[in-house]
Amino acid sequence: MPLVNARYGVLETISDDDLVSRSVSLYGEWAQHELELVQRFVSPEDCIVDGGSYIGTHALPFSRWVGADGEVLCV
C-alpha cells in the first residue's frame, strides 16, 4: 500500500482503483471543500468524532485544528 505525501500529512492509500485513494494520490486531498466548511466549526482543544474515518483523510486535518490539547476519535 503506497504512502502519499498529502496536503495534511502522510496517508497510506488502499489502491489506485479506490476513488478516495486515487484522489489523494493525484491531488493530495479528498473532499477539500467539505473540510473547509467543517473547519469553521472546529476550535483548538475540541473533541471530534470522525465516524467512518477510512484512511484518515479527515482525521489528519482535524488533529491539526484541535491541536495538542484536543482529541480526534476515529471509528
PDB file of N, CA and C in Angstrom:
ATOM      1  N   MET A   1       0.837  -1.176   0.000  1.00  0.00           N
ATOM      2  CA  MET A   1       0.000   0.000   0.000  1.00  0.00           C
ATOM      3  C   MET A   1       0.884   1.243   0.000  1.00  0.00           C
ATOM      4  N   PRO A   2       0.785   2.042  -1.037  1.00  0.00           N
ATOM      5  CA  PRO A   2       1.677   3.192  -1.169  1.00  0.00           C
ATOM      6  C   PRO A   2       1.378   4.317  -0.178  1.00  0.00           C
ATOM      7  N   LEU A   3       2.446   4.940   0.297  1.00  0.00           N
ATOM      8  CA  LEU A   3       2.319   6.126   1.136  1.00  0.00           C
ATOM      9  C   LEU A   3       2.305   7.352   0.237  1.00  0.00           C
ATOM     10  N   VAL A   4       1.468   8.322   0.582  1.00  0.00           N
ATOM     11  CA  VAL A   4       1.327   9.539  -0.213  1.00  0.00           C
ATOM     12  C   VAL A   4       1.544  10.747   0.698  1.00  0.00           C
ATOM     13  N   ASN A   5       2.369  11.677   0.256  1.00  0.00           N
ATOM     14  CA  ASN A   5       2.515  12.951   0.964  1.00  0.00           C
ATOM     15  C   ASN A   5       1.335  13.829   0.565  1.00  0.00           C
ATOM     16  N   ALA A   6       0.309  13.814   1.397  1.00  0.00           N
ATOM     17  CA  ALA A   6      -0.924  14.539   1.104  1.00  0.00           C
ATOM     18  C   ALA A   6      -0.871  15.946   1.710  1.00  0.00           C
ATOM     19  N   ARG A   7      -1.895  16.710   1.485  1.00  0.00           N
ATOM     20  CA  ARG A   7      -1.968  18.107   1.939  1.00  0.00           C
ATOM     21  C   ARG A   7      -1.771  18.245   3.447  1.00  0.00           C
ATOM     22  N   TYR A   8      -2.313  17.320   4.234  1.00  0.00           N
ATOM     23  CA  TYR A   8      -2.268  17.441   5.694  1.00  0.00           C
ATOM     24  C   TYR A   8      -1.309  16.461   6.359  1.00  0.00           C
ATOM     25  N   GLY A   9      -0.595  15.673   5.572  1.00  0.00           N
ATOM     26  CA  GLY A   9       0.342  14.717   6.142  1.00  0.00           C
ATOM     27  C   GLY A   9       0.430  13.473   5.268  1.00  0.00           C
ATOM     28  N   VAL A  10       1.112  12.471   5.761  1.00  0.00           N
ATOM     29  CA  VAL A  10       1.318  11.240   5.004  1.00  0.00           C
ATOM     30  C   VAL A  10       0.138  10.292   5.230  1.00  0.00           C
ATOM     31  N   LEU A  11      -0.406   9.773   4.126  1.00  0.00           N
ATOM     32  CA  LEU A  11      -1.508   8.811   4.189  1.00  0.00           C
ATOM     33  C   LEU A  11      -1.106   7.527   3.480  1.00  0.00           C
ATOM     34  N   GLU A  12      -1.557   6.415   4.012  1.00  0.00           N
ATOM     35  CA  GLU A  12      -1.363   5.133   3.357  1.00  0.00           C
ATOM     36  C   GLU A  12      -2.613   4.846   2.535  1.00  0.00           C
ATOM     37  N   THR A  13      -2.464   4.784   1.224  1.00  0.00           N
ATOM     38  CA  THR A  13      -3.612   4.567   0.350  1.00  0.00           C
ATOM     39  C   THR A  13      -3.903   3.079   0.200  1.00  0.00           C
ATOM     40  N   ILE A  14      -5.107   2.766  -0.260  1.00  0.00           N
ATOM     41  CA  ILE A  14      -5.547   1.379  -0.400  1.00  0.00           C
ATOM     42  C   ILE A  14      -5.135   0.821  -1.756  1.00  0.00           C
ATOM     43  N   SER A  15      -5.564   1.447  -2.824  1.00  0.00           N
ATOM     44  CA  SER A  15      -5.204   1.020  -4.176  1.00  0.00           C
ATOM     45  C   SER A  15      -5.579   2.123  -5.157  1.00  0.00           C
ATOM     46  N   ASP A  16      -5.070   2.037  -6.361  1.00  0.00           N
ATOM     47  CA  ASP A  16      -5.401   3.032  -7.377  1.00  0.00           C
ATOM     48  C   ASP A  16      -6.839   2.910  -7.858  1.00  0.00           C
ATOM     49  N   ASP A  17      -7.490   1.763  -7.596  1.00  0.00           N
ATOM     50  CA  ASP A  17      -8.871   1.563  -8.023  1.00  0.00           C
ATOM     51  C   ASP A  17      -9.870   2.222  -7.073  1.00  0.00           C
ATOM     52  N   ASP A  18      -9.427   2.577  -5.883  1.00  0.00           N
ATOM     53  CA  ASP A  18     -10.284   3.189  -4.879  1.00  0.00           C
ATOM     54  C   ASP A  18     -10.368   4.700  -5.146  1.00  0.00           C
ATOM     55  N   LEU A  19     -11.575   5.240  -5.189  1.00  0.00           N
ATOM     56  CA  LEU A  19     -11.780   6.648  -5.524  1.00  0.00           C
ATOM     57  C   LEU A  19     -11.062   7.587  -4.563  1.00  0.00           C
ATOM     58  N   VAL A  20     -11.183   7.337  -3.260  1.00  0.00           N
ATOM     59  CA  VAL A  20     -10.550   8.201  -2.269  1.00  0.00           C
ATOM     60  C   VAL A  20      -9.034   8.133  -2.405  1.00  0.00           C
ATOM     61  N   SER A  21      -8.491   6.933  -2.467  1.00  0.00           N
ATOM     62  CA  SER A  21      -7.043   6.769  -2.586  1.00  0.00           C
ATOM     63  C   SER A  21      -6.508   7.386  -3.869  1.00  0.00           C
ATOM     64  N   ARG A  22      -7.248   7.247  -4.926  1.00  0.00           N
ATOM     65  CA  ARG A  22      -6.802   7.832  -6.197  1.00  0.00           C
ATOM     66  C   ARG A  22      -6.783   9.357  -6.127  1.00  0.00           C
ATOM     67  N   SER A  23      -7.798   9.944  -5.518  1.00  0.00           N
ATOM     68  CA  SER A  23      -7.843  11.392  -5.358  1.00  0.00           C
ATOM     69  C   SER A  23      -6.666  11.881  -4.512  1.00  0.00           C
ATOM     70  N   VAL A  24      -6.391  11.170  -3.428  1.00  0.00           N
ATOM     71  CA  VAL A  24      -5.261  11.542  -2.571  1.00  0.00           C
ATOM     72  C   VAL A  24      -3.951  11.428  -3.349  1.00  0.00           C
ATOM     73  N   SER A  25      -3.812  10.379  -4.129  1.00  0.00           N
ATOM     74  CA  SER A  25      -2.588  10.183  -4.914  1.00  0.00           C
ATOM     75  C   SER A  25      -2.410  11.272  -5.972  1.00  0.00           C
ATOM     76  N   LEU A  26      -3.503  11.653  -6.626  1.00  0.00           N
ATOM     77  CA  LEU A  26      -3.422  12.640  -7.702  1.00  0.00           C
ATOM     78  C   LEU A  26      -3.362  14.085  -7.215  1.00  0.00           C
ATOM     79  N   TYR A  27      -4.176  14.393  -6.205  1.00  0.00           N
ATOM     80  CA  TYR A  27      -4.354  15.790  -5.800  1.00  0.00           C
ATOM     81  C   TYR A  27      -3.858  16.100  -4.382  1.00  0.00           C
ATOM     82  N   GLY A  28      -3.525  15.075  -3.619  1.00  0.00           N
ATOM     83  CA  GLY A  28      -3.064  15.283  -2.255  1.00  0.00           C
ATOM     84  C   GLY A  28      -4.164  15.540  -1.255  1.00  0.00           C
ATOM     85  N   GLU A  29      -5.400  15.350  -1.664  1.00  0.00           N
ATOM     86  CA  GLU A  29      -6.528  15.578  -0.750  1.00  0.00           C
ATOM     87  C   GLU A  29      -7.772  14.856  -1.233  1.00  0.00           C
ATOM     88  N   TRP A  30      -8.767  14.818  -0.339  1.00  0.00           N
ATOM     89  CA  TRP A  30     -10.080  14.267  -0.651  1.00  0.00           C
ATOM     90  C   TRP A  30     -11.112  15.160   0.033  1.00  0.00           C
ATOM     91  N   ALA A  31     -12.063  15.655  -0.713  1.00  0.00           N
ATOM     92  CA  ALA A  31     -13.182  16.454  -0.182  1.00  0.00           C
ATOM     93  C   ALA A  31     -12.703  17.735   0.500  1.00  0.00           C
ATOM     94  N   GLN A  32     -11.816  18.460  -0.141  1.00  0.00           N
ATOM     95  CA  GLN A  32     -11.252  19.677   0.444  1.00  0.00           C
ATOM     96  C   GLN A  32     -12.320  20.727   0.740  1.00  0.00           C
ATOM     97  N   HIS A  33     -13.299  20.881  -0.125  1.00  0.00           N
ATOM     98  CA  HIS A  33     -14.362  21.864   0.124  1.00  0.00           C
ATOM     99  C   HIS A  33     -15.151  21.513   1.374  1.00  0.00           C
ATOM    100  N   GLU A  34     -15.381  20.229   1.576  1.00  0.00           N
ATOM    101  CA  GLU A  34     -16.069  19.764   2.788  1.00  0.00           C
ATOM    102  C   GLU A  34     -15.238  20.107   4.025  1.00  0.00           C
ATOM    103  N   LEU A  35     -13.944  19.863   3.953  1.00  0.00           N
ATOM    104  CA  LEU A  35     -13.068  20.169   5.086  1.00  0.00           C
ATOM    105  C   LEU A  35     -13.065  21.667   5.394  1.00  0.00           C
ATOM    106  N   GLU A  36     -13.048  22.490   4.369  1.00  0.00           N
ATOM    107  CA  GLU A  36     -13.055  23.941   4.575  1.00  0.00           C
ATOM    108  C   GLU A  36     -14.338  24.390   5.275  1.00  0.00           C
ATOM    109  N   LEU A  37     -15.453  23.753   4.956  1.00  0.00           N
ATOM    110  CA  LEU A  37     -16.712  24.065   5.630  1.00  0.00           C
ATOM    111  C   LEU A  37     -16.662  23.633   7.093  1.00  0.00           C
ATOM    112  N   VAL A  38     -16.233  22.411   7.343  1.00  0.00           N
ATOM    113  CA  VAL A  38     -16.187  21.873   8.707  1.00  0.00           C
ATOM    114  C   VAL A  38     -15.214  22.662   9.578  1.00  0.00           C
ATOM    115  N   GLN A  39     -14.116  23.126   8.996  1.00  0.00           N
ATOM    116  CA  GLN A  39     -13.102  23.846   9.764  1.00  0.00           C
ATOM    117  C   GLN A  39     -13.670  25.070  10.470  1.00  0.00           C
ATOM    118  N   ARG A  40     -14.700  25.664   9.918  1.00  0.00           N
ATOM    119  CA  ARG A  40     -15.336  26.838  10.525  1.00  0.00           C
ATOM    120  C   ARG A  40     -15.897  26.546  11.916  1.00  0.00           C
ATOM    121  N   PHE A  41     -16.187  25.263  12.182  1.00  0.00           N
ATOM    122  CA  PHE A  41     -16.829  24.875  13.435  1.00  0.00           C
ATOM    123  C   PHE A  41     -15.872  24.213  14.416  1.00  0.00           C
ATOM    124  N   VAL A  42     -14.595  24.119  14.065  1.00  0.00           N
ATOM    125  CA  VAL A  42     -13.608  23.432  14.890  1.00  0.00           C
ATOM    126  C   VAL A  42     -12.684  24.448  15.550  1.00  0.00           C
ATOM    127  N   SER A  43     -12.443  24.248  16.844  1.00  0.00           N
ATOM    128  CA  SER A  43     -11.557  25.122  17.604  1.00  0.00           C
ATOM    129  C   SER A  43     -10.484  24.303  18.300  1.00  0.00           C
ATOM    130  N   PRO A  44      -9.370  24.941  18.642  1.00  0.00           N
ATOM    131  CA  PRO A  44      -8.365  24.233  19.431  1.00  0.00           C
ATOM    132  C   PRO A  44      -8.990  23.679  20.712  1.00  0.00           C
ATOM    133  N   GLU A  45      -8.532  22.515  21.108  1.00  0.00           N
ATOM    134  CA  GLU A  45      -8.980  21.791  22.304  1.00  0.00           C
ATOM    135  C   GLU A  45     -10.325  21.097  22.125  1.00  0.00           C
ATOM    136  N   ASP A  46     -10.930  21.145  20.943  1.00  0.00           N
ATOM    137  CA  ASP A  46     -12.179  20.423  20.700  1.00  0.00           C
ATOM    138  C   ASP A  46     -11.940  18.921  20.694  1.00  0.00           C
ATOM    139  N   CYS A  47     -13.021  18.185  20.847  1.00  0.00           N
ATOM    140  CA  CYS A  47     -13.012  16.730  20.665  1.00  0.00           C
ATOM    141  C   CYS A  47     -13.900  16.442  19.463  1.00  0.00           C
ATOM    142  N   ILE A  48     -13.338  15.761  18.463  1.00  0.00           N
ATOM    143  CA  ILE A  48     -14.065  15.456  17.233  1.00  0.00           C
ATOM    144  C   ILE A  48     -14.167  13.946  17.082  1.00  0.00           C
ATOM    145  N   VAL A  49     -15.344  13.464  16.705  1.00  0.00           N
ATOM    146  CA  VAL A  49     -15.526  12.056  16.365  1.00  0.00           C
ATOM    147  C   VAL A  49     -15.591  11.957  14.849  1.00  0.00           C
ATOM    148  N   ASP A  50     -14.655  11.230  14.280  1.00  0.00           N
ATOM    149  CA  ASP A  50     -14.596  11.025  12.831  1.00  0.00           C
ATOM    150  C   ASP A  50     -15.183   9.643  12.546  1.00  0.00           C
ATOM    151  N   GLY A  51     -16.501   9.593  12.360  1.00  0.00           N
ATOM    152  CA  GLY A  51     -17.177   8.326  12.091  1.00  0.00           C
ATOM    153  C   GLY A  51     -16.972   7.908  10.650  1.00  0.00           C
ATOM    154  N   GLY A  52     -16.408   6.743  10.423  1.00  0.00           N
ATOM    155  CA  GLY A  52     -16.101   6.282   9.082  1.00  0.00           C
ATOM    156  C   GLY A  52     -14.809   6.891   8.583  1.00  0.00           C
ATOM    157  N   SER A  53     -13.799   6.885   9.415  1.00  0.00           N
ATOM    158  CA  SER A  53     -12.558   7.604   9.113  1.00  0.00           C
ATOM    159  C   SER A  53     -11.739   7.028   7.969  1.00  0.00           C
ATOM    160  N   TYR A  54     -12.000   5.787   7.582  1.00  0.00           N
ATOM    161  CA  TYR A  54     -11.361   5.147   6.429  1.00  0.00           C
ATOM    162  C   TYR A  54      -9.852   5.264   6.490  1.00  0.00           C
ATOM    163  N   ILE A  55      -9.196   5.999   5.578  1.00  0.00           N
ATOM    164  CA  ILE A  55      -7.731   6.080   5.592  1.00  0.00           C
ATOM    165  C   ILE A  55      -7.218   7.339   6.286  1.00  0.00           C
ATOM    166  N   GLY A  56      -8.101   8.128   6.850  1.00  0.00           N
ATOM    167  CA  GLY A  56      -7.686   9.271   7.648  1.00  0.00           C
ATOM    168  C   GLY A  56      -7.632  10.605   6.929  1.00  0.00           C
ATOM    169  N   THR A  57      -8.305  10.716   5.789  1.00  0.00           N
ATOM    170  CA  THR A  57      -8.246  11.959   5.021  1.00  0.00           C
ATOM    171  C   THR A  57      -8.792  13.155   5.805  1.00  0.00           C
ATOM    172  N   HIS A  58      -9.716  12.919   6.709  1.00  0.00           N
ATOM    173  CA  HIS A  58     -10.259  13.997   7.531  1.00  0.00           C
ATOM    174  C   HIS A  58      -9.596  14.019   8.915  1.00  0.00           C
ATOM    175  N   ALA A  59      -9.179  12.872   9.403  1.00  0.00           N
ATOM    176  CA  ALA A  59      -8.568  12.787  10.736  1.00  0.00           C
ATOM    177  C   ALA A  59      -7.294  13.620  10.826  1.00  0.00           C
ATOM    178  N   LEU A  60      -6.495  13.638   9.772  1.00  0.00           N
ATOM    179  CA  LEU A  60      -5.252  14.418   9.809  1.00  0.00           C
ATOM    180  C   LEU A  60      -5.505  15.921   9.956  1.00  0.00           C
ATOM    181  N   PRO A  61      -6.352  16.518   9.120  1.00  0.00           N
ATOM    182  CA  PRO A  61      -6.603  17.945   9.347  1.00  0.00           C
ATOM    183  C   PRO A  61      -7.317  18.212  10.665  1.00  0.00           C
ATOM    184  N   PHE A  62      -8.232  17.335  11.067  1.00  0.00           N
ATOM    185  CA  PHE A  62      -8.905  17.511  12.354  1.00  0.00           C
ATOM    186  C   PHE A  62      -7.878  17.589  13.478  1.00  0.00           C
ATOM    187  N   SER A  63      -6.892  16.696  13.444  1.00  0.00           N
ATOM    188  CA  SER A  63      -5.893  16.674  14.520  1.00  0.00           C
ATOM    189  C   SER A  63      -5.066  17.954  14.532  1.00  0.00           C
ATOM    190  N   ARG A  64      -4.793  18.519  13.382  1.00  0.00           N
ATOM    191  CA  ARG A  64      -4.080  19.803  13.328  1.00  0.00           C
ATOM    192  C   ARG A  64      -4.924  20.918  13.931  1.00  0.00           C
ATOM    193  N   TRP A  65      -6.201  20.917  13.591  1.00  0.00           N
ATOM    194  CA  TRP A  65      -7.077  22.003  14.024  1.00  0.00           C
ATOM    195  C   TRP A  65      -7.336  21.985  15.524  1.00  0.00           C
ATOM    196  N   VAL A  66      -7.478  20.808  16.109  1.00  0.00           N
ATOM    197  CA  VAL A  66      -7.761  20.732  17.556  1.00  0.00           C
ATOM    198  C   VAL A  66      -6.490  20.876  18.370  1.00  0.00           C
ATOM    199  N   GLY A  67      -5.340  20.637  17.774  1.00  0.00           N
ATOM    200  CA  GLY A  67      -4.064  20.829  18.453  1.00  0.00           C
ATOM    201  C   GLY A  67      -3.758  19.770  19.495  1.00  0.00           C
ATOM    202  N   ALA A  68      -2.686  20.000  20.210  1.00  0.00           N
ATOM    203  CA  ALA A  68      -2.174  19.017  21.185  1.00  0.00           C
ATOM    204  C   ALA A  68      -3.136  18.800  22.352  1.00  0.00           C
ATOM    205  N   ASP A  69      -3.953  19.790  22.671  1.00  0.00           N
ATOM    206  CA  ASP A  69      -4.892  19.645  23.775  1.00  0.00           C
ATOM    207  C   ASP A  69      -6.273  19.175  23.339  1.00  0.00           C
ATOM    208  N   GLY A  70      -6.465  18.971  22.042  1.00  0.00           N
ATOM    209  CA  GLY A  70      -7.732  18.455  21.526  1.00  0.00           C
ATOM    210  C   GLY A  70      -7.659  16.954  21.340  1.00  0.00           C
ATOM    211  N   GLU A  71      -8.719  16.408  20.777  1.00  0.00           N
ATOM    212  CA  GLU A  71      -8.791  14.956  20.595  1.00  0.00           C
ATOM    213  C   GLU A  71      -9.602  14.633  19.349  1.00  0.00           C
ATOM    214  N   VAL A  72      -9.137  13.641  18.603  1.00  0.00           N
ATOM    215  CA  VAL A  72      -9.864  13.138  17.449  1.00  0.00           C
ATOM    216  C   VAL A  72     -10.067  11.642  17.644  1.00  0.00           C
ATOM    217  N   LEU A  73     -11.317  11.217  17.694  1.00  0.00           N
ATOM    218  CA  LEU A  73     -11.648   9.802  17.858  1.00  0.00           C
ATOM    219  C   LEU A  73     -12.093   9.267  16.504  1.00  0.00           C
ATOM    220  N   CYS A  74     -11.384   8.283  15.994  1.00  0.00           N
ATOM    221  CA  CYS A  74     -11.664   7.722  14.661  1.00  0.00           C
ATOM    222  C   CYS A  74     -12.334   6.361  14.784  1.00  0.00           C
ATOM    223  N   VAL A  75     -13.431   6.217  14.061  1.00  0.00           N
ATOM    224  CA  VAL A  75     -14.185   4.958  14.059  1.00  0.00           C
ATOM    225  C   VAL A  75     -14.257   4.464  12.633  1.00  0.00           C
TER     226      VAL A  75
END
